[in-house]
């Protein structure tokens, strides 16, 4: 699944986003692209669980289009 995260500006932010996702699923595959503010995640967890974790970490994803 793909997330647009406007608050992700740098590598430090990308590490925070990755940590938030892995707090829900330690085995998740996470590919962060800070310049484009996009995160690609492969996980078996529901999207809502990841959205909640990202919001708690201060990186709310943009609503799905």
C-alpha atoms as a PDB file:
ATOM      1  CA  UNK A   1       0.000   0.000   0.000  1.00  0.00           C
ATOM      2  CA  UNK A   2       1.068   3.555  -0.624  1.00  0.00           C
ATOM      3  CA  UNK A   3       0.939   6.583   1.636  1.00  0.00           C
ATOM      4  CA  UNK A   4       1.496  10.264   0.827  1.00  0.00           C
ATOM      5  CA  UNK A   5       3.075  11.832   3.920  1.00  0.00           C
ATOM      6  CA  UNK A   6       3.480  15.587   3.617  1.00  0.00           C
ATOM      7  CA  UNK A   7       5.351  15.851   6.955  1.00  0.00           C
ATOM      8  CA  UNK A   8       8.175  13.548   5.753  1.00  0.00           C
ATOM      9  CA  UNK A   9      10.927  15.893   4.549  1.00  0.00           C
ATOM     10  CA  UNK A  10      14.212  14.093   5.269  1.00  0.00           C
ATOM     11  CA  UNK A  11      15.932  10.843   6.157  1.00  0.00           C
ATOM     12  CA  UNK A  12      15.214  11.374   9.845  1.00  0.00           C
ATOM     13  CA  UNK A  13      11.514  11.693   9.084  1.00  0.00           C
ATOM     14  CA  UNK A  14      11.697   8.574   6.915  1.00  0.00           C
ATOM     15  CA  UNK A  15      13.225   6.660   9.847  1.00  0.00           C
ATOM     16  CA  UNK A  16      10.379   7.881  12.084  1.00  0.00           C
ATOM     17  CA  UNK A  17       7.794   6.785   9.516  1.00  0.00           C
ATOM     18  CA  UNK A  18       9.472   3.393   9.160  1.00  0.00           C
ATOM     19  CA  UNK A  19       9.598   2.938  12.944  1.00  0.00           C
ATOM     20  CA  UNK A  20       5.896   3.816  13.248  1.00  0.00           C
ATOM     21  CA  UNK A  21       4.951   1.239  10.620  1.00  0.00           C
ATOM     22  CA  UNK A  22       7.204  -1.424  12.112  1.00  0.00           C
ATOM     23  CA  UNK A  23       5.674  -0.811  15.545  1.00  0.00           C
ATOM     24  CA  UNK A  24       2.514  -2.329  14.044  1.00  0.00           C
ATOM     25  CA  UNK A  25       4.230  -4.960  11.874  1.00  0.00           C
ATOM     26  CA  UNK A  26       7.924  -5.618  12.566  1.00  0.00           C
ATOM     27  CA  UNK A  27       8.150  -7.691   9.361  1.00  0.00           C
ATOM     28  CA  UNK A  28       6.720  -4.984   7.083  1.00  0.00           C
ATOM     29  CA  UNK A  29       8.673  -3.986   4.008  1.00  0.00           C
ATOM     30  CA  UNK A  30       8.942  -0.182   3.994  1.00  0.00           C
ATOM     31  CA  UNK A  31      10.343   1.958   1.178  1.00  0.00           C
ATOM     32  CA  UNK A  32      10.367   5.664   1.989  1.00  0.00           C
ATOM     33  CA  UNK A  33      10.942   8.363  -0.634  1.00  0.00           C
ATOM     34  CA  UNK A  34      11.359  11.648   1.306  1.00  0.00           C
ATOM     35  CA  UNK A  35      11.804  13.949  -1.733  1.00  0.00           C
ATOM     36  CA  UNK A  36       8.420  12.828  -3.089  1.00  0.00           C
ATOM     37  CA  UNK A  37       6.926  12.253   0.395  1.00  0.00           C
ATOM     38  CA  UNK A  38       5.742   8.763  -0.530  1.00  0.00           C
ATOM     39  CA  UNK A  39       5.992   5.534   1.454  1.00  0.00           C
ATOM     40  CA  UNK A  40       5.375   2.103  -0.051  1.00  0.00           C
ATOM     41  CA  UNK A  41       4.534  -0.603   2.481  1.00  0.00           C
ATOM     42  CA  UNK A  42       4.087  -4.344   2.080  1.00  0.00           C
ATOM     43  CA  UNK A  43       2.271  -5.804   5.075  1.00  0.00           C
ATOM     44  CA  UNK A  44      -0.614  -8.075   5.985  1.00  0.00           C
ATOM     45  CA  UNK A  45      -1.937  -5.569   8.544  1.00  0.00           C
ATOM     46  CA  UNK A  46      -5.003  -3.437   7.747  1.00  0.00           C
ATOM     47  CA  UNK A  47      -4.395   0.035   6.350  1.00  0.00           C
ATOM     48  CA  UNK A  48      -6.286   1.582   9.284  1.00  0.00           C
ATOM     49  CA  UNK A  49      -3.726   0.149  11.749  1.00  0.00           C
ATOM     50  CA  UNK A  50      -0.866   1.776   9.855  1.00  0.00           C
ATOM     51  CA  UNK A  51      -2.700   5.089   9.502  1.00  0.00           C
ATOM     52  CA  UNK A  52      -3.294   5.159  13.273  1.00  0.00           C
ATOM     53  CA  UNK A  53       0.387   4.433  14.000  1.00  0.00           C
ATOM     54  CA  UNK A  54       1.542   7.123  11.557  1.00  0.00           C
ATOM     55  CA  UNK A  55      -0.835   9.670  13.086  1.00  0.00           C
ATOM     56  CA  UNK A  56       0.424   8.856  16.614  1.00  0.00           C
ATOM     57  CA  UNK A  57       4.001   9.377  15.394  1.00  0.00           C
ATOM     58  CA  UNK A  58       3.162  12.801  13.925  1.00  0.00           C
ATOM     59  CA  UNK A  59       3.195  11.710  10.280  1.00  0.00           C
ATOM     60  CA  UNK A  60      -0.470  11.668   9.243  1.00  0.00           C
ATOM     61  CA  UNK A  61      -0.921  10.367   5.700  1.00  0.00           C
ATOM     62  CA  UNK A  62      -2.916  12.388   3.211  1.00  0.00           C
ATOM     63  CA  UNK A  63      -6.432  11.049   2.616  1.00  0.00           C
ATOM     64  CA  UNK A  64      -6.713   8.532  -0.179  1.00  0.00           C
ATOM     65  CA  UNK A  65      -7.831  10.019  -3.473  1.00  0.00           C
END
